[in-house]
Amino acid sequence: MKRILIAGTGGVGGYVGAQLIRHTDAEVAFLARGAHLEAIQANGLIVHDNDTTYTVHPHTATDDTTGLGTFDLILVAVKATSLETTLRQIATNVAPHTVILPLLNGVGHDRTIRTHFPDATVLDGHIYILSNLTAPGTLRRRGEVLRIVWGSKEAIDPHHVIEHLTALLDTAHIRHKYAQDIQLASWRKYLFIASFAALTSYHTKPMDQVLSDHPDELNALLHEIVSVGRAEGIPLTPDDITTALTQASRVAPGAKTSLQLDLEQNKPAETEALCGTIVHLGHQHGIPTPVMERIYRALTDRPLT
């Protein structure tokens, strides 16, 4: 995997791309836009990684990948709201040998990608990381949380994908895990992020205060998501709820979710991916989701300030 495109160079894509540039000999291209792109083109991407600061320079940084040819690996790390637009944008960069790994919030994005690129190898995945842009061309990562979990619901060539991607991520010093059941792994993360994204945004409180101030509402919401997941064939259990609550108890005081931050800053928000999905799937399966539906309606009707 010598040619890599990072489609979306925010806190997630930017950090993963920086690690690939620093530690591998891959040719890494960044797809970015606006002031962020201009800053990368002028000065590189500045990364504040806990107590360390460094700058990386991608082989190419652009908002138009049309002339770049095809890539061996494309990491899709945009917001769910931009997925369809991004997939159309990278259409000329995908060939049958291309491996596409989405690292987005939500579930089911691999299905969307396959509709665009049925001949490519489309994986499913997610990432655990605390990283965000602090200014154009600058990102900050906090804490030691860093792990990509990836796999595929489709049959894949183990030599072409598993061994090569494992070697690449190992070389880049990115902790990762190949999940035999990637759907279950993705829903376990979704259980955590969807519940806390919904409640932090609805109550405009950080995660630790949601945990302490709204335990009954949180518990009801977690059970709604588990019920919907099980209707989708995902074997979630009460133990997964316990794990989600344990994860939340370890989050630093005052930490906000990305959905809450985006809504506060009037940015495009992943309300549909993190809240609407549960409401819509609940309706399809005849499963009541009163807590999530109330929150979803409130957030989508919220006027911009």
Protein backbone atom coordinates (compact mmCIF):
# COMPACT_ATOMS: atom_id res chain seq x y z
CA MET A 1 0.00 0.00 0.00
CA LYS A 2 2.26 2.70 -1.33
CA ARG A 3 -0.28 5.31 -2.45
CA ILE A 4 -2.70 6.46 0.24
CA LEU A 5 -5.43 9.09 0.12
CA ILE A 6 -6.78 10.61 3.33
CA ALA A 7 -10.26 11.79 2.39
CA GLY A 8 -11.00 14.20 5.20
CA THR A 9 -8.09 15.60 7.21
CA GLY A 10 -9.78 16.72 10.40
CA GLY A 11 -8.93 15.42 13.85
CA VAL A 12 -9.20 11.77 12.77
CA GLY A 13 -7.91 11.74 9.21
CA GLY A 14 -5.27 14.36 9.88
CA TYR A 15 -3.79 12.45 12.79
CA VAL A 16 -3.79 9.07 11.04
CA GLY A 17 -2.32 10.69 7.93
CA ALA A 18 0.38 12.36 10.02
CA GLN A 19 1.39 9.02 11.52
CA LEU A 20 1.58 7.45 8.08
CA ILE A 21 3.76 10.30 6.81
CA ARG A 22 6.07 10.19 9.83
CA HIS A 23 6.62 6.48 10.05
CA THR A 24 6.12 4.91 6.61
CA ASP A 25 7.45 5.45 3.11
CA ALA A 26 3.95 5.67 1.63
CA GLU A 27 2.98 8.51 -0.69
CA VAL A 28 0.22 10.20 1.28
CA ALA A 29 -2.23 12.68 -0.22
CA PHE A 30 -4.63 14.85 1.78
CA LEU A 31 -8.09 15.81 0.58
CA ALA A 32 -9.06 18.99 2.42
CA ARG A 33 -10.73 22.31 1.71
CA GLY A 34 -10.88 26.00 2.50
CA ALA A 35 -8.62 27.68 5.01
CA HIS A 36 -7.52 24.31 6.41
CA LEU A 37 -6.22 23.26 2.99
CA GLU A 38 -4.50 26.60 2.44
CA ALA A 39 -2.72 26.32 5.79
CA ILE A 40 -1.54 22.76 5.04
CA GLN A 41 -0.28 23.81 1.61
CA ALA A 42 1.60 26.77 3.08
CA ASN A 43 3.01 25.31 6.30
CA GLY A 44 2.19 21.60 6.49
CA LEU A 45 -0.09 20.03 9.10
CA ILE A 46 0.90 20.97 12.65
CA VAL A 47 0.13 18.26 15.20
CA HIS A 48 0.09 18.81 18.95
CA ASP A 49 0.25 15.24 20.22
CA ASN A 50 -0.10 15.57 24.00
CA ASP A 51 3.25 17.09 25.01
CA THR A 52 4.87 16.73 21.57
CA THR A 53 4.49 19.05 18.59
CA TYR A 54 5.54 18.22 15.05
CA THR A 55 4.73 19.17 11.47
CA VAL A 56 4.15 16.85 8.53
CA HIS A 57 4.03 17.62 4.84
CA PRO A 58 1.85 15.38 2.67
CA HIS A 59 2.98 14.45 -0.83
CA THR A 60 -0.08 16.35 -2.08
CA ALA A 61 -2.78 18.45 -0.40
CA THR A 62 -5.73 19.37 -2.60
CA ASP A 63 -9.47 19.88 -2.82
CA ASP A 64 -9.61 18.18 -6.24
CA THR A 65 -8.19 14.66 -6.58
CA THR A 66 -9.31 14.18 -10.17
CA GLY A 67 -5.80 14.19 -11.63
CA LEU A 68 -4.09 12.14 -8.93
CA GLY A 69 -4.82 8.69 -10.37
CA THR A 70 -5.83 5.68 -8.33
CA PHE A 71 -4.76 4.76 -4.80
CA ASP A 72 -3.98 1.53 -3.00
CA LEU A 73 -5.74 2.67 0.19
CA ILE A 74 -8.31 5.38 0.80
CA LEU A 75 -9.17 6.30 4.38
CA VAL A 76 -12.54 8.05 4.49
CA ALA A 77 -12.62 10.23 7.60
CA VAL A 78 -15.18 12.90 6.78
CA LYS A 79 -18.33 13.64 8.74
CA ALA A 80 -21.26 11.43 7.85
CA THR A 81 -22.99 14.51 6.46
CA SER A 82 -20.30 14.77 3.75
CA LEU A 83 -19.99 11.08 2.85
CA GLU A 84 -21.99 11.07 -0.38
CA THR A 85 -20.29 14.22 -1.66
CA THR A 86 -16.86 12.82 -0.84
CA LEU A 87 -17.54 9.50 -2.56
CA ARG A 88 -18.51 11.30 -5.75
CA GLN A 89 -15.40 13.43 -5.44
CA ILE A 90 -13.00 10.45 -5.26
CA ALA A 91 -14.66 8.45 -8.04
CA THR A 92 -11.61 8.69 -10.32
CA ASN A 93 -9.27 7.56 -7.54
CA VAL A 94 -10.78 4.11 -7.02
CA ALA A 95 -9.74 1.01 -8.95
CA PRO A 96 -10.51 -2.69 -8.39
CA HIS A 97 -7.31 -3.03 -6.32
CA THR A 98 -8.22 -0.09 -4.05
CA VAL A 99 -8.98 -0.77 -0.38
CA ILE A 100 -11.41 1.70 1.20
CA LEU A 101 -11.60 2.01 5.00
CA PRO A 102 -14.25 4.32 6.49
CA LEU A 103 -13.55 5.82 9.92
CA LEU A 104 -16.82 7.68 10.46
CA ASN A 105 -19.28 8.02 13.29
CA GLY A 106 -22.31 5.81 12.85
CA VAL A 107 -22.99 2.40 11.33
CA GLY A 108 -23.64 1.07 7.86
CA HIS A 109 -21.30 3.39 5.96
CA ASP A 110 -19.62 0.43 4.24
CA ARG A 111 -22.93 -0.35 2.53
CA THR A 112 -23.12 3.19 1.19
CA ILE A 113 -19.55 3.01 -0.10
CA ARG A 114 -20.17 -0.33 -1.83
CA THR A 115 -23.04 1.16 -3.81
CA HIS A 116 -20.54 3.61 -5.30
CA PHE A 117 -17.59 1.23 -5.68
CA PRO A 118 -18.82 -2.38 -5.97
CA ASP A 119 -15.54 -3.61 -7.46
CA ALA A 120 -13.23 -2.20 -4.77
CA THR A 121 -12.43 -3.86 -1.43
CA VAL A 122 -14.62 -1.97 1.04
CA LEU A 123 -13.91 -2.52 4.72
CA ASP A 124 -15.83 -1.35 7.76
CA GLY A 125 -14.14 0.30 10.69
CA HIS A 126 -14.04 2.91 13.40
CA ILE A 127 -11.48 4.67 15.53
CA TYR A 128 -11.09 5.50 19.20
CA ILE A 129 -9.24 8.81 19.49
CA LEU A 130 -9.53 12.24 21.15
CA SER A 131 -8.35 14.61 18.43
CA ASN A 132 -9.75 17.74 16.85
CA LEU A 133 -8.78 20.74 14.76
CA THR A 134 -7.86 23.77 16.83
CA ALA A 135 -7.15 26.09 13.89
CA PRO A 136 -6.68 25.77 10.13
CA GLY A 137 -3.72 23.48 9.57
CA THR A 138 -3.46 22.54 13.24
CA LEU A 139 -4.84 19.66 15.27
CA ARG A 140 -4.51 18.46 18.84
CA ARG A 141 -4.65 14.94 20.19
CA ARG A 142 -5.27 14.39 23.90
CA GLY A 143 -4.71 11.30 26.02
CA GLU A 144 -3.44 7.87 25.08
CA VAL A 145 -6.63 6.63 23.43
CA LEU A 146 -5.78 5.50 19.90
CA ARG A 147 -7.10 2.36 18.24
CA ILE A 148 -8.58 1.52 14.89
CA VAL A 149 -10.93 -1.46 14.77
CA TRP A 150 -11.51 -2.78 11.27
CA GLY A 151 -12.83 -5.75 9.36
CA SER A 152 -15.33 -6.67 6.66
CA LYS A 153 -18.73 -8.30 6.34
CA GLU A 154 -17.66 -9.46 2.89
CA ALA A 155 -15.09 -12.12 2.05
CA ILE A 156 -11.67 -10.53 1.55
CA ASP A 157 -8.32 -11.78 0.35
CA PRO A 158 -6.33 -12.16 3.60
CA HIS A 159 -2.95 -11.67 1.94
CA HIS A 160 -3.95 -8.61 -0.04
CA VAL A 161 -5.77 -6.84 2.75
CA ILE A 162 -5.30 -8.22 6.25
CA GLU A 163 -1.55 -8.74 6.09
CA HIS A 164 -0.80 -5.56 4.14
CA LEU A 165 -3.02 -3.27 6.21
CA THR A 166 -1.76 -4.83 9.44
CA ALA A 167 1.84 -4.20 8.41
CA LEU A 168 1.06 -0.62 7.40
CA LEU A 169 -0.68 0.30 10.65
CA ASP A 170 1.99 -1.44 12.73
CA THR A 171 4.71 0.54 10.96
CA ALA A 172 2.74 3.76 11.49
CA HIS A 173 2.57 3.09 15.26
CA ILE A 174 -1.23 3.04 15.17
CA ARG A 175 -2.79 0.51 17.50
CA HIS A 176 -5.44 -1.50 15.74
CA LYS A 177 -7.46 -4.68 15.82
CA TYR A 178 -8.87 -6.85 13.06
CA ALA A 179 -12.38 -7.75 14.19
CA GLN A 180 -13.86 -11.04 13.05
CA ASP A 181 -17.32 -9.59 13.72
CA ILE A 182 -16.89 -5.97 12.68
CA GLN A 183 -20.63 -5.29 12.81
CA LEU A 184 -20.79 -6.16 16.50
CA ALA A 185 -17.65 -4.14 17.19
CA SER A 186 -19.04 -1.12 15.35
CA TRP A 187 -22.38 -1.28 17.15
CA ARG A 188 -20.64 -1.49 20.50
CA LYS A 189 -18.90 1.79 19.78
CA TYR A 190 -22.12 3.20 18.32
CA LEU A 191 -23.97 2.32 21.52
CA PHE A 192 -21.55 4.51 23.44
CA ILE A 193 -21.21 7.47 21.10
CA ALA A 194 -24.87 7.68 20.00
CA SER A 195 -26.23 7.68 23.53
CA PHE A 196 -23.83 10.29 24.86
CA ALA A 197 -23.90 12.40 21.70
CA ALA A 198 -27.68 12.57 21.96
CA LEU A 199 -27.86 13.42 25.66
CA THR A 200 -24.93 15.86 25.82
CA SER A 201 -26.43 17.75 22.89
CA TYR A 202 -29.99 17.67 24.25
CA HIS A 203 -29.05 18.82 27.75
CA THR A 204 -26.05 20.95 26.67
CA LYS A 205 -23.95 19.30 29.36
CA PRO A 206 -20.59 17.47 29.18
CA MET A 207 -20.46 13.69 29.41
CA ASP A 208 -19.66 13.44 33.11
CA GLN A 209 -22.67 15.60 34.01
CA VAL A 210 -24.98 13.53 31.80
CA LEU A 211 -23.72 10.45 33.61
CA SER A 212 -24.36 11.96 37.04
CA ASP A 213 -27.48 14.06 36.37
CA HIS A 214 -29.53 11.88 33.99
CA PRO A 215 -28.83 8.21 34.82
CA ASP A 216 -32.39 6.97 34.25
CA GLU A 217 -32.73 8.70 30.91
CA LEU A 218 -29.30 7.44 29.87
CA ASN A 219 -30.15 3.88 30.87
CA ALA A 220 -33.41 4.00 28.92
CA LEU A 221 -31.63 5.33 25.83
CA LEU A 222 -28.94 2.65 26.01
CA HIS A 223 -31.62 -0.04 26.16
CA GLU A 224 -33.38 1.49 23.14
CA ILE A 225 -30.20 1.31 21.08
CA VAL A 226 -29.54 -2.28 22.18
CA SER A 227 -33.09 -3.27 21.19
CA VAL A 228 -32.74 -1.71 17.75
CA GLY A 229 -29.32 -3.28 17.26
CA ARG A 230 -30.65 -6.72 18.15
CA ALA A 231 -33.49 -6.26 15.67
CA GLU A 232 -30.79 -5.59 13.08
CA GLY A 233 -29.19 -8.92 13.96
CA ILE A 234 -26.45 -7.50 16.19
CA PRO A 235 -26.06 -9.61 19.37
CA LEU A 236 -25.70 -6.75 21.85
CA THR A 237 -26.22 -7.68 25.51
CA PRO A 238 -26.66 -5.92 28.88
CA ASP A 239 -22.90 -6.38 29.34
CA ASP A 240 -22.38 -3.94 26.46
CA ILE A 241 -24.41 -1.33 28.35
CA THR A 242 -22.23 -1.88 31.41
CA THR A 243 -19.12 -1.45 29.26
CA ALA A 244 -20.45 1.79 27.76
CA LEU A 245 -21.13 3.21 31.22
CA THR A 246 -17.67 2.17 32.39
CA GLN A 247 -16.12 3.90 29.38
CA ALA A 248 -18.04 7.06 30.17
CA SER A 249 -16.91 7.06 33.79
CA ARG A 250 -13.30 7.24 32.58
CA VAL A 251 -13.78 10.30 30.38
CA ALA A 252 -12.17 13.49 31.62
CA PRO A 253 -14.53 15.93 33.40
CA GLY A 254 -15.94 18.55 31.07
CA ALA A 255 -15.45 16.49 27.90
CA LYS A 256 -18.04 17.18 25.21
CA THR A 257 -19.08 15.02 22.30
CA SER A 258 -18.39 16.04 18.70
CA LEU A 259 -22.12 16.35 18.02
CA GLN A 260 -22.55 18.72 20.95
CA LEU A 261 -19.60 20.84 19.81
CA ASP A 262 -20.82 21.01 16.22
CA LEU A 263 -24.30 22.08 17.31
CA GLU A 264 -22.86 24.71 19.65
CA GLN A 265 -20.71 26.09 16.83
CA ASN A 266 -23.49 25.92 14.20
CA LYS A 267 -21.45 23.50 12.12
CA PRO A 268 -22.90 20.66 10.02
CA ALA A 269 -23.77 18.05 12.63
CA GLU A 270 -24.12 14.27 12.47
CA THR A 271 -27.55 14.29 14.10
CA GLU A 272 -28.94 11.95 11.47
CA ALA A 273 -26.15 9.38 11.80
CA LEU A 274 -26.05 9.46 15.60
CA CYS A 275 -29.73 9.94 16.47
CA GLY A 276 -31.90 9.61 13.38
CA THR A 277 -30.60 6.15 12.51
CA ILE A 278 -32.02 4.68 15.73
CA VAL A 279 -35.37 6.42 15.25
CA HIS A 280 -35.73 5.26 11.63
CA LEU A 281 -34.61 1.69 12.31
CA GLY A 282 -36.90 1.57 15.33
CA HIS A 283 -39.85 2.49 13.13
CA GLN A 284 -38.85 -0.14 10.56
CA HIS A 285 -38.73 -2.89 13.17
CA GLY A 286 -41.72 -1.72 15.21
CA ILE A 287 -39.52 -0.96 18.24
CA PRO A 288 -40.43 2.11 20.32
CA THR A 289 -37.59 4.57 20.83
CA PRO A 290 -39.31 7.38 22.77
CA VAL A 291 -36.19 8.84 24.36
CA MET A 292 -34.17 8.98 21.16
CA GLU A 293 -37.13 10.21 19.16
CA ARG A 294 -37.75 13.07 21.59
CA ILE A 295 -34.09 14.07 21.44
CA TYR A 296 -33.88 13.69 17.66
CA ARG A 297 -36.93 15.87 17.10
CA ALA A 298 -35.64 18.51 19.49
CA LEU A 299 -32.18 18.64 17.89
CA THR A 300 -33.39 18.71 14.30
CA ASP A 301 -35.92 21.44 15.09
CA ARG A 302 -33.35 23.50 16.98
CA PRO A 303 -32.95 26.91 15.34
CA LEU A 304 -29.45 28.16 14.64
CA THR A 305 -28.33 30.98 16.93
